Amino acid sequence: MSKSSDPFFRPYLCRDCGSETGFRSRRRTFTERYILRIFMLQPVRCAECFRRDYWPIFTTVEERLRDITTMLPIKEAAAPKRHVA
């Protein structure tokens, strides 16, 4: 059986905007953390329209983007230390 005919191995395609780029989304609820694993599904977010949907774990998507705040160094000199009441 080839990968193209198998519904589990289909490429990611956003159902809303048609984008081919998706990222793994963080699992939020009990259902997403435990129940979806039984059905071999994962939450995926579209990179273009940010629609969140569930796709088979075999679908090829990008790793989740890290927060941009953790990548940028915080400069203490740029932010004055003021105590505002």
PDB file of N, CA and C in Angstrom:
ATOM      1  N   MET A   1       0.849  -1.178   0.000  1.00  0.00           N
ATOM      2  CA  MET A   1       0.000   0.000   0.000  1.00  0.00           C
ATOM      3  C   MET A   1       0.893   1.239   0.000  1.00  0.00           C
ATOM      4  N   SER A   2       0.651   2.160  -0.894  1.00  0.00           N
ATOM      5  CA  SER A   2       1.481   3.350  -0.994  1.00  0.00           C
ATOM      6  C   SER A   2       1.021   4.412  -0.004  1.00  0.00           C
ATOM      7  N   LYS A   3       1.925   5.325   0.311  1.00  0.00           N
ATOM      8  CA  LYS A   3       1.606   6.382   1.264  1.00  0.00           C
ATOM      9  C   LYS A   3       0.539   7.328   0.727  1.00  0.00           C
ATOM     10  N   SER A   4       0.503   7.555  -0.580  1.00  0.00           N
ATOM     11  CA  SER A   4      -0.440   8.515  -1.136  1.00  0.00           C
ATOM     12  C   SER A   4      -1.884   8.034  -1.035  1.00  0.00           C
ATOM     13  N   SER A   5      -2.122   6.720  -1.054  1.00  0.00           N
ATOM     14  CA  SER A   5      -3.485   6.213  -0.971  1.00  0.00           C
ATOM     15  C   SER A   5      -3.938   5.990   0.470  1.00  0.00           C
ATOM     16  N   ASP A   6      -3.019   5.993   1.408  1.00  0.00           N
ATOM     17  CA  ASP A   6      -3.344   5.776   2.805  1.00  0.00           C
ATOM     18  C   ASP A   6      -3.809   7.095   3.433  1.00  0.00           C
ATOM     19  N   PRO A   7      -4.998   7.147   4.045  1.00  0.00           N
ATOM     20  CA  PRO A   7      -5.493   8.404   4.618  1.00  0.00           C
ATOM     21  C   PRO A   7      -4.656   8.897   5.792  1.00  0.00           C
ATOM     22  N   PHE A   8      -3.907   8.019   6.454  1.00  0.00           N
ATOM     23  CA  PHE A   8      -3.074   8.456   7.572  1.00  0.00           C
ATOM     24  C   PHE A   8      -1.851   9.229   7.110  1.00  0.00           C
ATOM     25  N   PHE A   9      -1.354   8.959   5.923  1.00  0.00           N
ATOM     26  CA  PHE A   9      -0.126   9.578   5.452  1.00  0.00           C
ATOM     27  C   PHE A   9      -0.363  10.729   4.478  1.00  0.00           C
ATOM     28  N   ARG A  10      -1.528  11.300   4.477  1.00  0.00           N
ATOM     29  CA  ARG A  10      -1.778  12.404   3.562  1.00  0.00           C
ATOM     30  C   ARG A  10      -1.051  13.663   4.042  1.00  0.00           C
ATOM     31  N   PRO A  11      -0.626  14.518   3.128  1.00  0.00           N
ATOM     32  CA  PRO A  11       0.080  15.742   3.529  1.00  0.00           C
ATOM     33  C   PRO A  11      -0.882  16.740   4.164  1.00  0.00           C
ATOM     34  N   TYR A  12      -0.331  17.622   4.981  1.00  0.00           N
ATOM     35  CA  TYR A  12      -1.161  18.625   5.642  1.00  0.00           C
ATOM     36  C   TYR A  12      -1.686  19.618   4.618  1.00  0.00           C
ATOM     37  N   LEU A  13      -2.967  19.923   4.709  1.00  0.00           N
ATOM     38  CA  LEU A  13      -3.614  20.919   3.864  1.00  0.00           C
ATOM     39  C   LEU A  13      -4.719  21.544   4.698  1.00  0.00           C
ATOM     40  N   CYS A  14      -4.573  22.832   4.992  1.00  0.00           N
ATOM     41  CA  CYS A  14      -5.543  23.523   5.847  1.00  0.00           C
ATOM     42  C   CYS A  14      -6.929  23.454   5.221  1.00  0.00           C
ATOM     43  N   ARG A  15      -7.915  23.115   6.025  1.00  0.00           N
ATOM     44  CA  ARG A  15      -9.289  22.995   5.529  1.00  0.00           C
ATOM     45  C   ARG A  15      -9.949  24.346   5.353  1.00  0.00           C
ATOM     46  N   ASP A  16      -9.324  25.404   5.882  1.00  0.00           N
ATOM     47  CA  ASP A  16      -9.916  26.735   5.794  1.00  0.00           C
ATOM     48  C   ASP A  16      -9.311  27.557   4.657  1.00  0.00           C
ATOM     49  N   CYS A  17      -7.968  27.689   4.647  1.00  0.00           N
ATOM     50  CA  CYS A  17      -7.326  28.552   3.651  1.00  0.00           C
ATOM     51  C   CYS A  17      -6.564  27.781   2.579  1.00  0.00           C
ATOM     52  N   GLY A  18      -6.325  26.491   2.768  1.00  0.00           N
ATOM     53  CA  GLY A  18      -5.634  25.694   1.763  1.00  0.00           C
ATOM     54  C   GLY A  18      -4.114  25.711   1.873  1.00  0.00           C
ATOM     55  N   SER A  19      -3.571  26.277   2.951  1.00  0.00           N
ATOM     56  CA  SER A  19      -2.131  26.327   3.141  1.00  0.00           C
ATOM     57  C   SER A  19      -1.568  24.930   3.375  1.00  0.00           C
ATOM     58  N   GLU A  20      -0.337  24.725   2.953  1.00  0.00           N
ATOM     59  CA  GLU A  20       0.316  23.429   3.137  1.00  0.00           C
ATOM     60  C   GLU A  20       1.282  23.420   4.314  1.00  0.00           C
ATOM     61  N   THR A  21       1.328  24.516   5.088  1.00  0.00           N
ATOM     62  CA  THR A  21       2.244  24.610   6.219  1.00  0.00           C
ATOM     63  C   THR A  21       1.458  24.599   7.518  1.00  0.00           C
ATOM     64  N   GLY A  22       1.746  23.603   8.345  1.00  0.00           N
ATOM     65  CA  GLY A  22       1.095  23.497   9.640  1.00  0.00           C
ATOM     66  C   GLY A  22       2.119  23.212  10.719  1.00  0.00           C
ATOM     67  N   PHE A  23       1.806  23.597  11.948  1.00  0.00           N
ATOM     68  CA  PHE A  23       2.679  23.389  13.090  1.00  0.00           C
ATOM     69  C   PHE A  23       1.945  22.599  14.155  1.00  0.00           C
ATOM     70  N   ARG A  24       2.691  21.785  14.883  1.00  0.00           N
ATOM     71  CA  ARG A  24       2.088  21.096  16.017  1.00  0.00           C
ATOM     72  C   ARG A  24       1.644  22.129  17.025  1.00  0.00           C
ATOM     73  N   SER A  25       0.475  21.929  17.569  1.00  0.00           N
ATOM     74  CA  SER A  25      -0.060  22.840  18.559  1.00  0.00           C
ATOM     75  C   SER A  25       0.046  22.201  19.932  1.00  0.00           C
ATOM     76  N   ARG A  26       0.097  23.017  20.939  1.00  0.00           N
ATOM     77  CA  ARG A  26       0.203  22.527  22.315  1.00  0.00           C
ATOM     78  C   ARG A  26      -1.084  21.826  22.719  1.00  0.00           C
ATOM     79  N   ARG A  27      -0.971  20.700  23.368  1.00  0.00           N
ATOM     80  CA  ARG A  27      -2.149  19.982  23.869  1.00  0.00           C
ATOM     81  C   ARG A  27      -2.642  20.702  25.111  1.00  0.00           C
ATOM     82  N   ARG A  28      -3.909  21.056  25.137  1.00  0.00           N
ATOM     83  CA  ARG A  28      -4.436  21.893  26.205  1.00  0.00           C
ATOM     84  C   ARG A  28      -5.260  21.133  27.240  1.00  0.00           C
ATOM     85  N   THR A  29      -6.238  20.389  26.801  1.00  0.00           N
ATOM     86  CA  THR A  29      -7.204  19.778  27.725  1.00  0.00           C
ATOM     87  C   THR A  29      -6.877  18.316  27.983  1.00  0.00           C
ATOM     88  N   PHE A  30      -7.607  17.737  28.916  1.00  0.00           N
ATOM     89  CA  PHE A  30      -7.466  16.324  29.228  1.00  0.00           C
ATOM     90  C   PHE A  30      -7.737  15.486  27.986  1.00  0.00           C
ATOM     91  N   THR A  31      -8.763  15.856  27.257  1.00  0.00           N
ATOM     92  CA  THR A  31      -9.111  15.129  26.031  1.00  0.00           C
ATOM     93  C   THR A  31      -7.979  15.160  25.035  1.00  0.00           C
ATOM     94  N   GLU A  32      -7.381  16.320  24.832  1.00  0.00           N
ATOM     95  CA  GLU A  32      -6.282  16.441  23.870  1.00  0.00           C
ATOM     96  C   GLU A  32      -5.039  15.696  24.340  1.00  0.00           C
ATOM     97  N   ARG A  33      -4.805  15.658  25.615  1.00  0.00           N
ATOM     98  CA  ARG A  33      -3.601  15.002  26.132  1.00  0.00           C
ATOM     99  C   ARG A  33      -3.692  13.486  26.130  1.00  0.00           C
ATOM    100  N   TYR A  34      -4.863  12.950  26.425  1.00  0.00           N
ATOM    101  CA  TYR A  34      -4.968  11.504  26.606  1.00  0.00           C
ATOM    102  C   TYR A  34      -5.897  10.806  25.613  1.00  0.00           C
ATOM    103  N   ILE A  35      -7.051  11.367  25.355  1.00  0.00           N
ATOM    104  CA  ILE A  35      -8.028  10.701  24.500  1.00  0.00           C
ATOM    105  C   ILE A  35      -7.594  10.741  23.030  1.00  0.00           C
ATOM    106  N   LEU A  36      -7.064  11.863  22.573  1.00  0.00           N
ATOM    107  CA  LEU A  36      -6.638  11.961  21.177  1.00  0.00           C
ATOM    108  C   LEU A  36      -5.525  10.967  20.846  1.00  0.00           C
ATOM    109  N   ARG A  37      -4.693  10.653  21.823  1.00  0.00           N
ATOM    110  CA  ARG A  37      -3.618   9.679  21.594  1.00  0.00           C
ATOM    111  C   ARG A  37      -4.167   8.299  21.285  1.00  0.00           C
ATOM    112  N   ILE A  38      -5.294   7.965  21.888  1.00  0.00           N
ATOM    113  CA  ILE A  38      -5.923   6.675  21.611  1.00  0.00           C
ATOM    114  C   ILE A  38      -6.330   6.591  20.147  1.00  0.00           C
ATOM    115  N   PHE A  39      -6.833   7.706  19.615  1.00  0.00           N
ATOM    116  CA  PHE A  39      -7.260   7.756  18.219  1.00  0.00           C
ATOM    117  C   PHE A  39      -6.137   8.172  17.274  1.00  0.00           C
ATOM    118  N   MET A  40      -4.916   8.303  17.804  1.00  0.00           N
ATOM    119  CA  MET A  40      -3.718   8.683  17.047  1.00  0.00           C
ATOM    120  C   MET A  40      -3.900  10.011  16.310  1.00  0.00           C
ATOM    121  N   LEU A  41      -4.411  11.011  17.037  1.00  0.00           N
ATOM    122  CA  LEU A  41      -4.597  12.352  16.494  1.00  0.00           C
ATOM    123  C   LEU A  41      -3.744  13.339  17.268  1.00  0.00           C
ATOM    124  N   GLN A  42      -3.406  14.450  16.619  1.00  0.00           N
ATOM    125  CA  GLN A  42      -2.634  15.514  17.256  1.00  0.00           C
ATOM    126  C   GLN A  42      -3.230  16.865  16.865  1.00  0.00           C
ATOM    127  N   PRO A  43      -3.172  17.857  17.756  1.00  0.00           N
ATOM    128  CA  PRO A  43      -3.634  19.188  17.374  1.00  0.00           C
ATOM    129  C   PRO A  43      -2.595  19.866  16.482  1.00  0.00           C
ATOM    130  N   VAL A  44      -3.067  20.467  15.392  1.00  0.00           N
ATOM    131  CA  VAL A  44      -2.193  21.134  14.420  1.00  0.00           C
ATOM    132  C   VAL A  44      -2.768  22.517  14.143  1.00  0.00           C
ATOM    133  N   ARG A  45      -1.884  23.527  14.073  1.00  0.00           N
ATOM    134  CA  ARG A  45      -2.304  24.895  13.778  1.00  0.00           C
ATOM    135  C   ARG A  45      -1.745  25.321  12.424  1.00  0.00           C
ATOM    136  N   CYS A  46      -2.589  25.934  11.612  1.00  0.00           N
ATOM    137  CA  CYS A  46      -2.181  26.420  10.292  1.00  0.00           C
ATOM    138  C   CYS A  46      -1.242  27.612  10.457  1.00  0.00           C
ATOM    139  N   ALA A  47      -0.210  27.678   9.644  1.00  0.00           N
ATOM    140  CA  ALA A  47       0.753  28.774   9.722  1.00  0.00           C
ATOM    141  C   ALA A  47       0.222  30.048   9.073  1.00  0.00           C
ATOM    142  N   GLU A  48      -0.762  29.938   8.218  1.00  0.00           N
ATOM    143  CA  GLU A  48      -1.298  31.108   7.504  1.00  0.00           C
ATOM    144  C   GLU A  48      -2.493  31.737   8.224  1.00  0.00           C
ATOM    145  N   CYS A  49      -3.515  30.948   8.498  1.00  0.00           N
ATOM    146  CA  CYS A  49      -4.744  31.500   9.073  1.00  0.00           C
ATOM    147  C   CYS A  49      -4.911  31.168  10.556  1.00  0.00           C
ATOM    148  N   PHE A  50      -4.009  30.365  11.111  1.00  0.00           N
ATOM    149  CA  PHE A  50      -3.982  29.998  12.530  1.00  0.00           C
ATOM    150  C   PHE A  50      -5.181  29.151  12.967  1.00  0.00           C
ATOM    151  N   ARG A  51      -5.833  28.493  12.021  1.00  0.00           N
ATOM    152  CA  ARG A  51      -6.918  27.574  12.366  1.00  0.00           C
ATOM    153  C   ARG A  51      -6.319  26.371  13.080  1.00  0.00           C
ATOM    154  N   ARG A  52      -6.975  25.930  14.124  1.00  0.00           N
ATOM    155  CA  ARG A  52      -6.505  24.786  14.901  1.00  0.00           C
ATOM    156  C   ARG A  52      -7.425  23.613  14.613  1.00  0.00           C
ATOM    157  N   ASP A  53      -6.819  22.464  14.287  1.00  0.00           N
ATOM    158  CA  ASP A  53      -7.590  21.297  13.903  1.00  0.00           C
ATOM    159  C   ASP A  53      -6.856  20.044  14.360  1.00  0.00           C
ATOM    160  N   TYR A  54      -7.493  18.892  14.254  1.00  0.00           N
ATOM    161  CA  TYR A  54      -6.887  17.631  14.653  1.00  0.00           C
ATOM    162  C   TYR A  54      -6.550  16.811  13.420  1.00  0.00           C
ATOM    163  N   TRP A  55      -5.308  16.332  13.375  1.00  0.00           N
ATOM    164  CA  TRP A  55      -4.820  15.547  12.247  1.00  0.00           C
ATOM    165  C   TRP A  55      -4.170  14.277  12.764  1.00  0.00           C
ATOM    166  N   PRO A  56      -4.082  13.234  11.932  1.00  0.00           N
ATOM    167  CA  PRO A  56      -3.392  12.004  12.354  1.00  0.00           C
ATOM    168  C   PRO A  56      -1.931  12.288  12.697  1.00  0.00           C
ATOM    169  N   ILE A  57      -1.393  11.523  13.627  1.00  0.00           N
ATOM    170  CA  ILE A  57      -0.009  11.755  14.056  1.00  0.00           C
ATOM    171  C   ILE A  57       0.990  11.453  12.950  1.00  0.00           C
ATOM    172  N   PHE A  58       0.554  10.784  11.902  1.00  0.00           N
ATOM    173  CA  PHE A  58       1.440  10.459  10.794  1.00  0.00           C
ATOM    174  C   PHE A  58       1.550  11.595   9.784  1.00  0.00           C
ATOM    175  N   THR A  59       0.719  12.622   9.908  1.00  0.00           N
ATOM    176  CA  THR A  59       0.771  13.763   9.004  1.00  0.00           C
ATOM    177  C   THR A  59       2.045  14.549   9.279  1.00  0.00           C
ATOM    178  N   THR A  60       2.764  14.899   8.224  1.00  0.00           N
ATOM    179  CA  THR A  60       4.020  15.627   8.402  1.00  0.00           C
ATOM    180  C   THR A  60       3.738  17.117   8.568  1.00  0.00           C
ATOM    181  N   VAL A  61       4.069  17.619   9.755  1.00  0.00           N
ATOM    182  CA  VAL A  61       3.925  19.037  10.069  1.00  0.00           C
ATOM    183  C   VAL A  61       5.216  19.501  10.734  1.00  0.00           C
ATOM    184  N   GLU A  62       5.395  20.808  10.805  1.00  0.00           N
ATOM    185  CA  GLU A  62       6.579  21.395  11.428  1.00  0.00           C
ATOM    186  C   GLU A  62       6.456  21.312  12.946  1.00  0.00           C
ATOM    187  N   GLU A  63       7.602  21.392  13.615  1.00  0.00           N
ATOM    188  CA  GLU A  63       7.592  21.441  15.071  1.00  0.00           C
ATOM    189  C   GLU A  63       7.005  22.773  15.516  1.00  0.00           C
ATOM    190  N   ARG A  64       6.484  22.805  16.723  1.00  0.00           N
ATOM    191  CA  ARG A  64       5.863  24.006  17.257  1.00  0.00           C
ATOM    192  C   ARG A  64       6.895  25.114  17.407  1.00  0.00           C
ATOM    193  N   LEU A  65       6.499  26.331  17.027  1.00  0.00           N
ATOM    194  CA  LEU A  65       7.391  27.473  17.168  1.00  0.00           C
ATOM    195  C   LEU A  65       7.528  27.831  18.638  1.00  0.00           C
ATOM    196  N   ARG A  66       8.721  28.177  19.034  1.00  0.00           N
ATOM    197  CA  ARG A  66       8.943  28.600  20.410  1.00  0.00           C
ATOM    198  C   ARG A  66       8.515  30.054  20.559  1.00  0.00           C
ATOM    199  N   ASP A  67       8.275  30.457  21.801  1.00  0.00           N
ATOM    200  CA  ASP A  67       7.902  31.849  22.042  1.00  0.00           C
ATOM    201  C   ASP A  67       9.039  32.757  21.629  1.00  0.00           C
ATOM    202  N   ILE A  68       8.722  33.832  20.959  1.00  0.00           N
ATOM    203  CA  ILE A  68       9.753  34.752  20.489  1.00  0.00           C
ATOM    204  C   ILE A  68      10.406  35.478  21.669  1.00  0.00           C
ATOM    205  N   THR A  69       9.711  35.584  22.786  1.00  0.00           N
ATOM    206  CA  THR A  69      10.279  36.275  23.939  1.00  0.00           C
ATOM    207  C   THR A  69      11.437  35.499  24.546  1.00  0.00           C
ATOM    208  N   THR A  70      11.460  34.195  24.383  1.00  0.00           N
ATOM    209  CA  THR A  70      12.560  33.410  24.923  1.00  0.00           C
ATOM    210  C   THR A  70      13.788  33.491  24.027  1.00  0.00           C
ATOM    211  N   MET A  71      13.597  33.881  22.769  1.00  0.00           N
ATOM    212  CA  MET A  71      14.720  33.968  21.850  1.00  0.00           C
ATOM    213  C   MET A  71      15.403  35.333  21.903  1.00  0.00           C
ATOM    214  N   LEU A  72      14.682  36.376  22.296  1.00  0.00           N
ATOM    215  CA  LEU A  72      15.241  37.715  22.335  1.00  0.00           C
ATOM    216  C   LEU A  72      15.765  38.024  23.732  1.00  0.00           C
ATOM    217  N   PRO A  73      16.995  38.532  23.823  1.00  0.00           N
ATOM    218  CA  PRO A  73      17.524  38.900  25.144  1.00  0.00           C
ATOM    219  C   PRO A  73      16.832  40.146  25.670  1.00  0.00           C
ATOM    220  N   ILE A  74      16.594  40.177  26.972  1.00  0.00           N
ATOM    221  CA  ILE A  74      15.951  41.328  27.595  1.00  0.00           C
ATOM    222  C   ILE A  74      17.041  42.264  28.082  1.00  0.00           C
ATOM    223  N   LYS A  75      16.949  43.509  27.652  1.00  0.00           N
ATOM    224  CA  LYS A  75      17.927  44.510  28.052  1.00  0.00           C
ATOM    225  C   LYS A  75      17.360  45.300  29.222  1.00  0.00           C
ATOM    226  N   GLU A  76      18.030  45.226  30.335  1.00  0.00           N
ATOM    227  CA  GLU A  76      17.553  45.926  31.518  1.00  0.00           C
ATOM    228  C   GLU A  76      17.771  47.426  31.391  1.00  0.00           C
ATOM    229  N   ALA A  77      18.777  47.849  30.639  1.00  0.00           N
ATOM    230  CA  ALA A  77      19.046  49.281  30.479  1.00  0.00           C
ATOM    231  C   ALA A  77      17.955  49.960  29.662  1.00  0.00           C
ATOM    232  N   ALA A  78      17.318  49.249  28.780  1.00  0.00           N
ATOM    233  CA  ALA A  78      16.285  49.842  27.930  1.00  0.00           C
ATOM    234  C   ALA A  78      15.002  50.106  28.723  1.00  0.00           C
ATOM    235  N   ALA A  79      14.726  49.308  29.709  1.00  0.00           N
ATOM    236  CA  ALA A  79      13.520  49.484  30.512  1.00  0.00           C
ATOM    237  C   ALA A  79      13.898  50.078  31.859  1.00  0.00           C
ATOM    238  N   PRO A  80      13.531  51.341  32.104  1.00  0.00           N
ATOM    239  CA  PRO A  80      13.891  51.950  33.392  1.00  0.00           C
ATOM    240  C   PRO A  80      13.123  51.281  34.527  1.00  0.00           C
ATOM    241  N   LYS A  81      13.772  51.194  35.658  1.00  0.00           N
ATOM    242  CA  LYS A  81      13.149  50.582  36.833  1.00  0.00           C
ATOM    243  C   LYS A  81      12.420  51.664  37.608  1.00  0.00           C
ATOM    244  N   ARG A  82      11.113  51.742  37.373  1.00  0.00           N
ATOM    245  CA  ARG A  82      10.306  52.743  38.067  1.00  0.00           C
ATOM    246  C   ARG A  82       9.237  52.022  38.864  1.00  0.00           C
ATOM    247  N   HIS A  83       8.920  52.593  39.969  1.00  0.00           N
ATOM    248  CA  HIS A  83       7.837  52.050  40.795  1.00  0.00           C
ATOM    249  C   HIS A  83       6.649  52.976  40.616  1.00  0.00           C
ATOM    250  N   VAL A  84       5.628  52.476  39.969  1.00  0.00           N
ATOM    251  CA  VAL A  84       4.440  53.264  39.711  1.00  0.00           C
ATOM    252  C   VAL A  84       3.313  52.747  40.582  1.00  0.00           C
ATOM    253  N   ALA A  85       2.652  53.654  41.269  1.00  0.00           N
ATOM    254  CA  ALA A  85       1.557  53.245  42.161  1.00  0.00           C
ATOM    255  C   ALA A  85       0.247  53.247  41.451  1.00  0.00           C
TER     256      ALA A  85
END
